[in-house]
Amino acid sequence: MTVTSIRKVFQGIADRRQMFRMFDRHIQRPNRWTGDDSALYRGEWFEIDEASHDYMFEILPPLFMRGDLFAMREYLIGSITSIFFKLSIDGTIRHFHGYCDLSEQGSLERMRGAIVERETRPVRAMTREERLEHIWSSTADDYRGYASDRWSEDDRGQRTIMLWSAGRGTILKLLADLTDDEVAAKLPVQLRHLPDVIAA
């Protein structure tokens, strides 16, 4: 699966249930315990509500705190852990969760900068990648998965999504291969007609 360095994976503000679900969006990945899956998580971020931010702060003593952020003591994979941000954006305090690789110098600052840059865009818009990530994040586990050995060798391990197709019924398709119409059909109504934006 190809991923970019820092990416928003959910549109809107995740409540506590959604937050916990997205902590491991890749739980169904093949060979879960045998490979280095850090690239799947490194750089993922999404917005959470204040109550969820405060709840996570109180679970365990943080690994460290720095002004507007704290790090979870437990690592997800390798040197990647949850970072919780409390940021002032356009005069409003907002809260975010991101996965940073603490072995990479400057990863916290890059994550903070990417979040602020993305959330201060003057026009609400979404890249195609953000649309696909939101679909993946909001689809129930029973309706998403990974291409098995029944798929071509090039497609194996890629994310799949189940959708309904007129004339064909329910089909399984690679997430990356969804048409613009299929993407629009899988998005919530309030996100379907947001303008496209070129990824930064």
N, C-alpha and C. Protein backbone atom coordinates (compact mmCIF):
# COMPACT_ATOMS: atom_id res chain seq x y z
N MET A 1 0.84 -1.17 0.00
CA MET A 1 0.00 0.00 0.00
C MET A 1 0.89 1.24 0.00
N THR A 2 0.61 2.18 -0.87
CA THR A 2 1.38 3.41 -0.95
C THR A 2 0.77 4.47 -0.04
N VAL A 3 1.58 5.12 0.75
CA VAL A 3 1.08 6.17 1.63
C VAL A 3 1.98 7.40 1.50
N THR A 4 1.41 8.56 1.76
CA THR A 4 2.21 9.78 1.77
C THR A 4 2.70 10.02 3.17
N SER A 5 3.57 11.00 3.35
CA SER A 5 4.22 11.16 4.64
C SER A 5 3.27 11.60 5.75
N ILE A 6 2.49 12.66 5.55
CA ILE A 6 1.57 13.13 6.59
C ILE A 6 0.21 13.31 5.93
N ARG A 7 -0.83 12.67 6.51
CA ARG A 7 -2.12 12.67 5.83
C ARG A 7 -3.28 12.68 6.81
N LYS A 8 -4.29 13.44 6.46
CA LYS A 8 -5.53 13.50 7.22
C LYS A 8 -6.37 12.29 6.82
N VAL A 9 -6.87 11.54 7.82
CA VAL A 9 -7.54 10.28 7.50
C VAL A 9 -9.02 10.26 7.88
N PHE A 10 -9.54 11.39 8.36
CA PHE A 10 -10.95 11.45 8.72
C PHE A 10 -11.40 12.90 8.66
N GLN A 11 -12.54 13.15 8.04
CA GLN A 11 -13.09 14.50 7.95
C GLN A 11 -14.06 14.73 9.11
N GLY A 12 -14.00 15.88 9.70
CA GLY A 12 -14.87 16.16 10.84
C GLY A 12 -14.14 15.89 12.14
N ILE A 13 -14.90 15.93 13.24
CA ILE A 13 -14.33 15.72 14.57
C ILE A 13 -14.75 14.34 15.06
N ALA A 14 -13.78 13.49 15.30
CA ALA A 14 -14.06 12.13 15.76
C ALA A 14 -14.47 12.15 17.23
N ASP A 15 -15.55 11.43 17.54
CA ASP A 15 -15.91 11.27 18.95
C ASP A 15 -15.07 10.14 19.54
N ARG A 16 -15.26 9.84 20.81
CA ARG A 16 -14.39 8.86 21.47
C ARG A 16 -14.48 7.48 20.82
N ARG A 17 -15.69 7.05 20.46
CA ARG A 17 -15.85 5.74 19.81
C ARG A 17 -15.09 5.71 18.48
N GLN A 18 -15.26 6.74 17.67
CA GLN A 18 -14.56 6.80 16.39
C GLN A 18 -13.05 6.88 16.59
N MET A 19 -12.62 7.64 17.59
CA MET A 19 -11.20 7.77 17.86
C MET A 19 -10.57 6.41 18.15
N PHE A 20 -11.19 5.64 19.05
CA PHE A 20 -10.63 4.33 19.39
C PHE A 20 -10.63 3.40 18.19
N ARG A 21 -11.65 3.49 17.36
CA ARG A 21 -11.72 2.66 16.17
C ARG A 21 -10.59 3.01 15.19
N MET A 22 -10.28 4.29 15.09
CA MET A 22 -9.26 4.72 14.14
C MET A 22 -7.84 4.56 14.66
N PHE A 23 -7.67 4.31 15.94
CA PHE A 23 -6.34 4.06 16.45
C PHE A 23 -5.68 2.91 15.70
N ASP A 24 -6.47 1.93 15.28
CA ASP A 24 -5.91 0.84 14.47
C ASP A 24 -6.81 0.61 13.26
N ARG A 25 -6.73 1.53 12.31
CA ARG A 25 -7.52 1.43 11.08
C ARG A 25 -7.06 0.26 10.22
N HIS A 26 -5.90 -0.29 10.51
CA HIS A 26 -5.31 -1.33 9.66
C HIS A 26 -5.27 -2.68 10.37
N ILE A 27 -6.19 -2.89 11.30
CA ILE A 27 -6.19 -4.11 12.10
C ILE A 27 -6.34 -5.37 11.25
N GLN A 28 -6.98 -5.27 10.10
CA GLN A 28 -7.21 -6.44 9.26
C GLN A 28 -6.07 -6.72 8.28
N ARG A 29 -5.01 -5.95 8.34
CA ARG A 29 -3.94 -6.11 7.36
C ARG A 29 -3.38 -7.52 7.39
N PRO A 30 -3.00 -8.02 6.22
CA PRO A 30 -2.42 -9.37 6.17
C PRO A 30 -1.06 -9.42 6.86
N ASN A 31 -0.71 -10.55 7.37
CA ASN A 31 0.59 -10.77 8.02
C ASN A 31 0.85 -9.71 9.09
N ARG A 32 -0.15 -9.49 9.92
CA ARG A 32 -0.12 -8.39 10.89
C ARG A 32 1.11 -8.41 11.81
N TRP A 33 1.56 -9.56 12.18
CA TRP A 33 2.64 -9.61 13.18
C TRP A 33 3.99 -9.99 12.57
N THR A 34 4.07 -10.07 11.25
CA THR A 34 5.32 -10.57 10.66
C THR A 34 6.16 -9.51 9.94
N GLY A 35 5.59 -8.36 9.63
CA GLY A 35 6.35 -7.38 8.86
C GLY A 35 6.43 -6.04 9.57
N ASP A 36 7.14 -5.12 8.95
CA ASP A 36 7.24 -3.76 9.47
C ASP A 36 6.13 -2.94 8.82
N ASP A 37 5.05 -2.73 9.57
CA ASP A 37 3.90 -2.00 9.04
C ASP A 37 3.90 -0.54 9.48
N SER A 38 5.04 -0.03 9.89
CA SER A 38 5.09 1.33 10.41
C SER A 38 4.65 2.37 9.38
N ALA A 39 4.91 2.12 8.09
CA ALA A 39 4.53 3.10 7.06
C ALA A 39 3.02 3.27 6.98
N LEU A 40 2.25 2.26 7.39
CA LEU A 40 0.79 2.39 7.36
C LEU A 40 0.31 3.44 8.35
N TYR A 41 1.00 3.58 9.46
CA TYR A 41 0.55 4.46 10.54
C TYR A 41 1.27 5.81 10.57
N ARG A 42 2.55 5.80 10.27
CA ARG A 42 3.37 7.01 10.38
C ARG A 42 2.73 8.14 9.59
N GLY A 43 2.44 9.26 10.28
CA GLY A 43 1.91 10.43 9.61
C GLY A 43 0.40 10.54 9.55
N GLU A 44 -0.34 9.53 10.00
CA GLU A 44 -1.80 9.63 10.01
C GLU A 44 -2.25 10.60 11.10
N TRP A 45 -3.27 11.42 10.80
CA TRP A 45 -3.81 12.31 11.83
C TRP A 45 -5.29 12.58 11.56
N PHE A 46 -5.98 12.95 12.64
CA PHE A 46 -7.39 13.32 12.54
C PHE A 46 -7.76 14.17 13.75
N GLU A 47 -8.86 14.89 13.62
CA GLU A 47 -9.31 15.77 14.69
C GLU A 47 -10.18 14.99 15.67
N ILE A 48 -10.05 15.33 16.96
CA ILE A 48 -10.86 14.72 18.01
C ILE A 48 -11.50 15.82 18.84
N ASP A 49 -12.44 15.44 19.69
CA ASP A 49 -13.06 16.45 20.54
C ASP A 49 -12.24 16.64 21.82
N GLU A 50 -12.53 17.72 22.52
CA GLU A 50 -11.76 18.06 23.72
C GLU A 50 -11.87 16.98 24.79
N ALA A 51 -13.07 16.43 24.97
CA ALA A 51 -13.26 15.40 25.99
C ALA A 51 -12.39 14.18 25.72
N SER A 52 -12.26 13.78 24.45
CA SER A 52 -11.41 12.63 24.10
C SER A 52 -9.94 12.95 24.34
N HIS A 53 -9.52 14.15 24.00
CA HIS A 53 -8.15 14.59 24.25
C HIS A 53 -7.83 14.50 25.75
N ASP A 54 -8.72 15.05 26.57
CA ASP A 54 -8.50 15.06 28.01
C ASP A 54 -8.55 13.65 28.59
N TYR A 55 -9.42 12.81 28.07
CA TYR A 55 -9.53 11.42 28.52
C TYR A 55 -8.21 10.69 28.28
N MET A 56 -7.63 10.87 27.10
CA MET A 56 -6.37 10.20 26.79
C MET A 56 -5.22 10.72 27.66
N PHE A 57 -5.27 11.98 28.01
CA PHE A 57 -4.24 12.55 28.88
C PHE A 57 -4.27 11.91 30.26
N GLU A 58 -5.47 11.54 30.71
CA GLU A 58 -5.63 11.01 32.07
C GLU A 58 -5.44 9.50 32.17
N ILE A 59 -5.38 8.79 31.04
CA ILE A 59 -5.26 7.32 31.08
C ILE A 59 -3.96 6.88 31.75
N LEU A 60 -2.86 7.38 31.24
CA LEU A 60 -1.52 7.04 31.76
C LEU A 60 -0.70 8.31 31.85
N PRO A 61 0.30 8.33 32.68
CA PRO A 61 1.21 9.49 32.62
C PRO A 61 1.82 9.54 31.21
N PRO A 62 1.85 10.71 30.59
CA PRO A 62 2.41 10.78 29.23
C PRO A 62 3.89 10.44 29.20
N LEU A 63 4.36 10.02 28.05
CA LEU A 63 5.79 9.79 27.85
C LEU A 63 6.54 11.11 28.01
N PHE A 64 5.97 12.17 27.43
CA PHE A 64 6.49 13.52 27.62
C PHE A 64 5.41 14.52 27.22
N MET A 65 5.58 15.75 27.68
CA MET A 65 4.69 16.86 27.33
C MET A 65 5.55 18.01 26.85
N ARG A 66 5.04 18.73 25.83
CA ARG A 66 5.74 19.91 25.32
C ARG A 66 4.69 20.95 24.92
N GLY A 67 4.42 21.88 25.78
CA GLY A 67 3.50 22.98 25.45
C GLY A 67 2.14 22.52 24.97
N ASP A 68 1.99 22.42 23.65
CA ASP A 68 0.68 22.12 23.07
C ASP A 68 0.50 20.66 22.69
N LEU A 69 1.35 19.76 23.20
CA LEU A 69 1.21 18.35 22.84
C LEU A 69 1.69 17.44 23.96
N PHE A 70 1.24 16.20 23.92
CA PHE A 70 1.78 15.15 24.78
C PHE A 70 1.83 13.85 24.00
N ALA A 71 2.73 12.96 24.41
CA ALA A 71 2.92 11.67 23.74
C ALA A 71 2.46 10.54 24.65
N MET A 72 1.83 9.54 24.06
CA MET A 72 1.43 8.36 24.82
C MET A 72 2.66 7.54 25.16
N ARG A 73 2.64 6.95 26.34
CA ARG A 73 3.75 6.15 26.84
C ARG A 73 3.88 4.83 26.06
N GLU A 74 2.75 4.28 25.63
CA GLU A 74 2.77 3.00 24.92
C GLU A 74 2.99 3.23 23.42
N TYR A 75 3.94 2.51 22.85
CA TYR A 75 4.21 2.62 21.41
C TYR A 75 3.27 1.69 20.66
N LEU A 76 2.84 2.14 19.47
CA LEU A 76 1.97 1.33 18.63
C LEU A 76 2.78 0.27 17.91
N ILE A 77 3.83 0.71 17.26
CA ILE A 77 4.69 -0.19 16.50
C ILE A 77 6.06 0.47 16.36
N GLY A 78 7.10 -0.26 16.65
CA GLY A 78 8.44 0.31 16.59
C GLY A 78 8.55 1.55 17.45
N SER A 79 8.97 2.66 16.84
CA SER A 79 9.11 3.92 17.58
C SER A 79 7.96 4.89 17.28
N ILE A 80 6.84 4.36 16.79
CA ILE A 80 5.67 5.18 16.48
C ILE A 80 4.71 5.16 17.66
N THR A 81 4.29 6.36 18.08
CA THR A 81 3.33 6.46 19.18
C THR A 81 2.32 7.56 18.89
N SER A 82 1.26 7.58 19.68
CA SER A 82 0.22 8.59 19.56
C SER A 82 0.70 9.91 20.13
N ILE A 83 0.48 10.97 19.38
CA ILE A 83 0.75 12.33 19.83
C ILE A 83 -0.59 13.07 19.83
N PHE A 84 -0.89 13.74 20.92
CA PHE A 84 -2.13 14.50 21.03
C PHE A 84 -1.79 15.97 21.06
N PHE A 85 -2.40 16.72 20.14
CA PHE A 85 -2.13 18.15 19.99
C PHE A 85 -3.33 18.96 20.45
N LYS A 86 -3.04 20.11 21.04
CA LYS A 86 -4.04 21.12 21.39
C LYS A 86 -3.57 22.40 20.72
N LEU A 87 -4.20 22.75 19.59
CA LEU A 87 -3.69 23.82 18.74
C LEU A 87 -4.71 24.95 18.59
N SER A 88 -4.21 26.16 18.54
CA SER A 88 -5.06 27.31 18.23
C SER A 88 -5.00 27.54 16.73
N ILE A 89 -6.15 27.38 16.08
CA ILE A 89 -6.24 27.56 14.63
C ILE A 89 -7.34 28.57 14.36
N ASP A 90 -6.96 29.66 13.73
CA ASP A 90 -7.91 30.75 13.44
C ASP A 90 -8.65 31.20 14.69
N GLY A 91 -7.92 31.25 15.82
CA GLY A 91 -8.49 31.75 17.07
C GLY A 91 -9.34 30.76 17.83
N THR A 92 -9.39 29.51 17.39
CA THR A 92 -10.17 28.48 18.05
C THR A 92 -9.25 27.36 18.52
N ILE A 93 -9.42 26.90 19.75
CA ILE A 93 -8.64 25.76 20.26
C ILE A 93 -9.24 24.48 19.72
N ARG A 94 -8.42 23.69 19.05
CA ARG A 94 -8.86 22.41 18.47
C ARG A 94 -7.90 21.31 18.91
N HIS A 95 -8.35 20.06 18.82
CA HIS A 95 -7.60 18.91 19.34
C HIS A 95 -7.41 17.88 18.24
N PHE A 96 -6.23 17.27 18.21
CA PHE A 96 -5.89 16.33 17.14
C PHE A 96 -5.09 15.15 17.70
N HIS A 97 -5.21 14.04 16.99
CA HIS A 97 -4.39 12.86 17.27
C HIS A 97 -3.57 12.58 16.02
N GLY A 98 -2.30 12.25 16.21
CA GLY A 98 -1.45 11.87 15.09
C GLY A 98 -0.46 10.79 15.51
N TYR A 99 0.00 10.02 14.52
CA TYR A 99 1.05 9.03 14.78
C TYR A 99 2.37 9.57 14.29
N CYS A 100 3.31 9.74 15.20
CA CYS A 100 4.64 10.24 14.86
C CYS A 100 5.69 9.18 15.19
N ASP A 101 6.70 9.13 14.35
CA ASP A 101 7.84 8.25 14.57
C ASP A 101 8.87 9.03 15.37
N LEU A 102 9.03 8.69 16.63
CA LEU A 102 9.92 9.46 17.50
C LEU A 102 11.39 9.28 17.16
N SER A 103 11.69 8.30 16.31
CA SER A 103 13.09 8.14 15.89
C SER A 103 13.46 9.15 14.80
N GLU A 104 12.47 9.83 14.22
CA GLU A 104 12.72 10.81 13.18
C GLU A 104 12.77 12.21 13.79
N GLN A 105 13.90 12.82 13.73
CA GLN A 105 14.07 14.16 14.30
C GLN A 105 13.13 15.14 13.60
N GLY A 106 12.40 15.93 14.39
CA GLY A 106 11.51 16.93 13.83
C GLY A 106 10.14 16.42 13.44
N SER A 107 9.84 15.14 13.72
CA SER A 107 8.55 14.58 13.28
C SER A 107 7.36 15.28 13.95
N LEU A 108 7.53 15.69 15.21
CA LEU A 108 6.43 16.38 15.91
C LEU A 108 6.15 17.74 15.28
N GLU A 109 7.20 18.47 14.96
CA GLU A 109 7.04 19.78 14.36
C GLU A 109 6.45 19.68 12.96
N ARG A 110 6.87 18.66 12.19
CA ARG A 110 6.31 18.48 10.85
C ARG A 110 4.83 18.14 10.93
N MET A 111 4.45 17.29 11.88
CA MET A 111 3.04 16.94 12.05
C MET A 111 2.24 18.18 12.43
N ARG A 112 2.71 18.92 13.42
CA ARG A 112 2.01 20.14 13.84
C ARG A 112 1.84 21.09 12.65
N GLY A 113 2.92 21.31 11.91
CA GLY A 113 2.87 22.22 10.76
C GLY A 113 1.90 21.76 9.70
N ALA A 114 1.87 20.45 9.42
CA ALA A 114 0.96 19.91 8.40
C ALA A 114 -0.50 20.08 8.83
N ILE A 115 -0.79 19.85 10.11
CA ILE A 115 -2.16 20.01 10.61
C ILE A 115 -2.59 21.47 10.49
N VAL A 116 -1.75 22.37 10.95
CA VAL A 116 -2.11 23.80 10.90
C VAL A 116 -2.28 24.25 9.45
N GLU A 117 -1.37 23.84 8.57
CA GLU A 117 -1.48 24.23 7.16
C GLU A 117 -2.78 23.70 6.55
N ARG A 118 -3.08 22.44 6.82
CA ARG A 118 -4.29 21.83 6.23
C ARG A 118 -5.56 22.48 6.77
N GLU A 119 -5.58 22.78 8.05
CA GLU A 119 -6.81 23.28 8.67
C GLU A 119 -6.99 24.79 8.55
N THR A 120 -6.02 25.51 7.99
CA THR A 120 -6.19 26.94 7.78
C THR A 120 -6.43 27.28 6.32
N ARG A 121 -6.70 26.29 5.50
CA ARG A 121 -7.04 26.58 4.10
C ARG A 121 -8.31 27.43 4.08
N PRO A 122 -8.34 28.46 3.21
CA PRO A 122 -9.50 29.35 3.23
C PRO A 122 -10.80 28.72 2.75
N VAL A 123 -10.71 27.69 1.91
CA VAL A 123 -11.91 27.07 1.38
C VAL A 123 -11.93 25.61 1.80
N ARG A 124 -13.07 25.13 2.28
CA ARG A 124 -13.17 23.71 2.60
C ARG A 124 -13.04 22.92 1.31
N ALA A 125 -12.11 22.01 1.29
CA ALA A 125 -11.87 21.19 0.11
C ALA A 125 -11.23 19.89 0.55
N MET A 126 -11.24 18.91 -0.32
CA MET A 126 -10.63 17.62 -0.02
C MET A 126 -9.86 17.12 -1.23
N THR A 127 -8.71 16.52 -1.00
CA THR A 127 -8.00 15.85 -2.07
C THR A 127 -8.65 14.49 -2.30
N ARG A 128 -8.36 13.87 -3.42
CA ARG A 128 -8.87 12.52 -3.68
C ARG A 128 -8.36 11.57 -2.58
N GLU A 129 -7.09 11.72 -2.20
CA GLU A 129 -6.54 10.85 -1.15
C GLU A 129 -7.33 11.00 0.15
N GLU A 130 -7.68 12.24 0.53
CA GLU A 130 -8.46 12.46 1.75
C GLU A 130 -9.84 11.83 1.64
N ARG A 131 -10.44 11.87 0.47
CA ARG A 131 -11.75 11.23 0.27
C ARG A 131 -11.64 9.72 0.49
N LEU A 132 -10.61 9.12 -0.11
CA LEU A 132 -10.43 7.67 0.04
C LEU A 132 -10.12 7.30 1.49
N GLU A 133 -9.29 8.10 2.16
CA GLU A 133 -8.97 7.80 3.56
C GLU A 133 -10.21 7.92 4.44
N HIS A 134 -11.06 8.91 4.16
CA HIS A 134 -12.28 9.05 4.96
C HIS A 134 -13.20 7.85 4.73
N ILE A 135 -13.32 7.41 3.49
CA ILE A 135 -14.14 6.22 3.21
C ILE A 135 -13.60 5.02 3.97
N TRP A 136 -12.29 4.83 3.94
CA TRP A 136 -11.67 3.70 4.65
C TRP A 136 -11.93 3.80 6.15
N SER A 137 -11.74 5.00 6.71
CA SER A 137 -11.91 5.20 8.15
C SER A 137 -13.34 4.98 8.61
N SER A 138 -14.31 5.33 7.79
CA SER A 138 -15.71 5.30 8.22
C SER A 138 -16.45 4.04 7.79
N THR A 139 -15.81 3.14 7.07
CA THR A 139 -16.45 1.90 6.64
C THR A 139 -16.24 0.81 7.69
N ALA A 140 -17.30 0.10 8.01
CA ALA A 140 -17.23 -0.99 8.99
C ALA A 140 -16.27 -2.08 8.52
N ASP A 141 -15.62 -2.74 9.47
CA ASP A 141 -14.64 -3.78 9.14
C ASP A 141 -15.21 -4.86 8.23
N ASP A 142 -16.50 -5.19 8.38
CA ASP A 142 -17.11 -6.24 7.56
C ASP A 142 -17.17 -5.86 6.08
N TYR A 143 -17.01 -4.59 5.76
CA TYR A 143 -17.15 -4.12 4.39
C TYR A 143 -15.86 -3.56 3.81
N ARG A 144 -14.75 -3.81 4.49
CA ARG A 144 -13.45 -3.41 3.98
C ARG A 144 -12.44 -4.50 4.31
N GLY A 145 -11.35 -4.53 3.58
CA GLY A 145 -10.34 -5.55 3.84
C GLY A 145 -9.14 -5.35 2.94
N TYR A 146 -8.44 -6.45 2.68
CA TYR A 146 -7.23 -6.41 1.87
C TYR A 146 -7.30 -7.50 0.82
N ALA A 147 -6.79 -7.20 -0.37
CA ALA A 147 -6.83 -8.15 -1.47
C ALA A 147 -6.03 -9.40 -1.11
N SER A 148 -6.67 -10.54 -1.27
CA SER A 148 -6.06 -11.83 -0.92
C SER A 148 -5.34 -12.42 -2.13
N ASP A 149 -4.94 -13.69 -2.00
CA ASP A 149 -4.23 -14.35 -3.10
C ASP A 149 -5.14 -14.66 -4.28
N ARG A 150 -6.43 -14.41 -4.16
CA ARG A 150 -7.34 -14.57 -5.31
C ARG A 150 -7.21 -13.41 -6.29
N TRP A 151 -6.56 -12.33 -5.86
CA TRP A 151 -6.34 -11.17 -6.71
C TRP A 151 -5.01 -11.34 -7.45
N SER A 152 -4.76 -10.50 -8.44
CA SER A 152 -3.48 -10.57 -9.16
C SER A 152 -2.35 -10.26 -8.18
N GLU A 153 -1.18 -10.70 -8.51
CA GLU A 153 -0.04 -10.52 -7.61
C GLU A 153 0.22 -9.05 -7.31
N ASP A 154 0.03 -8.17 -8.30
CA ASP A 154 0.25 -6.73 -8.10
C ASP A 154 -0.76 -6.12 -7.13
N ASP A 155 -1.96 -6.71 -7.04
CA ASP A 155 -3.02 -6.15 -6.20
C ASP A 155 -3.04 -6.71 -4.79
N ARG A 156 -2.38 -7.82 -4.55
CA ARG A 156 -2.43 -8.46 -3.23
C ARG A 156 -1.94 -7.52 -2.14
N GLY A 157 -2.70 -7.50 -1.05
CA GLY A 157 -2.35 -6.64 0.07
C GLY A 157 -2.89 -5.23 -0.03
N GLN A 158 -3.43 -4.86 -1.20
CA GLN A 158 -4.03 -3.53 -1.36
C GLN A 158 -5.39 -3.48 -0.65
N ARG A 159 -5.80 -2.31 -0.22
CA ARG A 159 -7.08 -2.17 0.48
C ARG A 159 -8.25 -2.37 -0.48
N THR A 160 -9.26 -3.06 0.00
CA THR A 160 -10.47 -3.30 -0.78
C THR A 160 -11.68 -2.75 -0.03
N ILE A 161 -12.73 -2.48 -0.79
CA ILE A 161 -13.95 -1.94 -0.21
C ILE A 161 -15.14 -2.58 -0.91
N MET A 162 -16.18 -2.89 -0.15
CA MET A 162 -17.38 -3.47 -0.74
C MET A 162 -18.34 -2.34 -1.08
N LEU A 163 -18.92 -2.42 -2.27
CA LEU A 163 -19.90 -1.42 -2.65
C LEU A 163 -20.98 -2.05 -3.52
N TRP A 164 -22.06 -1.30 -3.66
CA TRP A 164 -23.17 -1.77 -4.47
C TRP A 164 -23.09 -1.12 -5.83
N SER A 165 -23.25 -1.93 -6.87
CA SER A 165 -23.16 -1.45 -8.24
C SER A 165 -24.43 -1.82 -8.99
N ALA A 166 -25.06 -0.85 -9.63
CA ALA A 166 -26.28 -1.12 -10.40
C ALA A 166 -25.97 -2.15 -11.48
N GLY A 167 -26.79 -3.17 -11.52
CA GLY A 167 -26.61 -4.23 -12.52
C GLY A 167 -25.66 -5.32 -12.10
N ARG A 168 -24.79 -5.05 -11.13
CA ARG A 168 -23.82 -6.06 -10.69
C ARG A 168 -24.01 -6.45 -9.23
N GLY A 169 -24.82 -5.70 -8.51
CA GLY A 169 -25.05 -5.99 -7.10
C GLY A 169 -23.86 -5.60 -6.25
N THR A 170 -23.62 -6.36 -5.20
CA THR A 170 -22.51 -6.07 -4.29
C THR A 170 -21.20 -6.56 -4.91
N ILE A 171 -20.22 -5.68 -4.96
CA ILE A 171 -18.91 -6.05 -5.52
C ILE A 171 -17.81 -5.62 -4.57
N LEU A 172 -16.67 -6.27 -4.71
CA LEU A 172 -15.47 -5.93 -3.95
C LEU A 172 -14.50 -5.28 -4.92
N LYS A 173 -13.99 -4.12 -4.54
CA LYS A 173 -13.14 -3.35 -5.46
C LYS A 173 -11.97 -2.77 -4.68
N LEU A 174 -10.85 -2.59 -5.37
CA LEU A 174 -9.72 -1.92 -4.74
C LEU A 174 -10.11 -0.49 -4.40
N LEU A 175 -9.80 -0.06 -3.19
CA LEU A 175 -10.13 1.30 -2.76
C LEU A 175 -9.56 2.33 -3.74
N ALA A 176 -8.33 2.12 -4.15
CA ALA A 176 -7.67 3.09 -5.03
C ALA A 176 -8.31 3.16 -6.41
N ASP A 177 -9.08 2.15 -6.79
CA ASP A 177 -9.69 2.10 -8.13
C ASP A 177 -11.11 2.62 -8.17
N LEU A 178 -11.63 3.14 -7.06
CA LEU A 178 -12.99 3.67 -7.08
C LEU A 178 -13.08 4.83 -8.06
N THR A 179 -14.17 4.88 -8.83
CA THR A 179 -14.40 6.00 -9.73
C THR A 179 -14.85 7.20 -8.92
N ASP A 180 -14.87 8.36 -9.53
CA ASP A 180 -15.33 9.56 -8.83
C ASP A 180 -16.77 9.41 -8.37
N ASP A 181 -17.62 8.78 -9.19
CA ASP A 181 -19.02 8.55 -8.81
C ASP A 181 -19.12 7.59 -7.63
N GLU A 182 -18.29 6.55 -7.62
CA GLU A 182 -18.30 5.60 -6.50
C GLU A 182 -17.81 6.26 -5.22
N VAL A 183 -16.79 7.11 -5.34
CA VAL A 183 -16.29 7.84 -4.18
C VAL A 183 -17.39 8.72 -3.62
N ALA A 184 -18.07 9.47 -4.49
CA ALA A 184 -19.14 10.36 -4.05
C ALA A 184 -20.25 9.58 -3.35
N ALA A 185 -20.58 8.41 -3.88
CA ALA A 185 -21.66 7.60 -3.30
C ALA A 185 -21.29 7.07 -1.92
N LYS A 186 -20.01 6.85 -1.66
CA LYS A 186 -19.57 6.32 -0.36
C LYS A 186 -19.35 7.40 0.69
N LEU A 187 -19.29 8.67 0.28
CA LEU A 187 -19.06 9.76 1.22
C LEU A 187 -20.38 10.22 1.83
N PRO A 188 -20.34 10.76 3.05
CA PRO A 188 -21.54 11.38 3.62
C PRO A 188 -21.98 12.56 2.74
N VAL A 189 -23.26 12.84 2.73
CA VAL A 189 -23.82 13.89 1.87
C VAL A 189 -23.07 15.21 2.01
N GLN A 190 -22.71 15.62 3.24
CA GLN A 190 -22.08 16.92 3.43
C GLN A 190 -20.67 17.00 2.84
N LEU A 191 -20.08 15.86 2.48
CA LEU A 191 -18.73 15.86 1.91
C LEU A 191 -18.70 15.63 0.41
N ARG A 192 -19.83 15.24 -0.17
CA ARG A 192 -19.84 14.82 -1.58
C ARG A 192 -19.48 15.93 -2.54
N HIS A 193 -19.87 17.15 -2.25
CA HIS A 193 -19.72 18.21 -3.24
C HIS A 193 -18.65 19.23 -2.87
N LEU A 194 -17.78 18.88 -1.93
CA LEU A 194 -16.66 19.77 -1.61
C LEU A 194 -15.74 19.83 -2.83
N PRO A 195 -15.16 20.99 -3.09
CA PRO A 195 -14.27 21.08 -4.26
C PRO A 195 -13.01 20.25 -4.06
N ASP A 196 -12.41 19.86 -5.19
CA ASP A 196 -11.13 19.16 -5.16
C ASP A 196 -10.05 20.16 -4.85
N VAL A 197 -8.99 19.68 -4.24
CA VAL A 197 -7.82 20.52 -4.01
C VAL A 197 -6.60 19.68 -4.34
N ILE A 198 -5.58 20.31 -4.90
CA ILE A 198 -4.36 19.60 -5.23
C ILE A 198 -3.60 19.34 -3.94
N ALA A 199 -3.17 18.13 -3.74
CA ALA A 199 -2.43 17.78 -2.52
C ALA A 199 -1.18 18.64 -2.40
N ALA A 200 -0.89 19.10 -1.18
CA ALA A 200 0.29 19.94 -0.96
C ALA A 200 1.55 19.13 -1.07
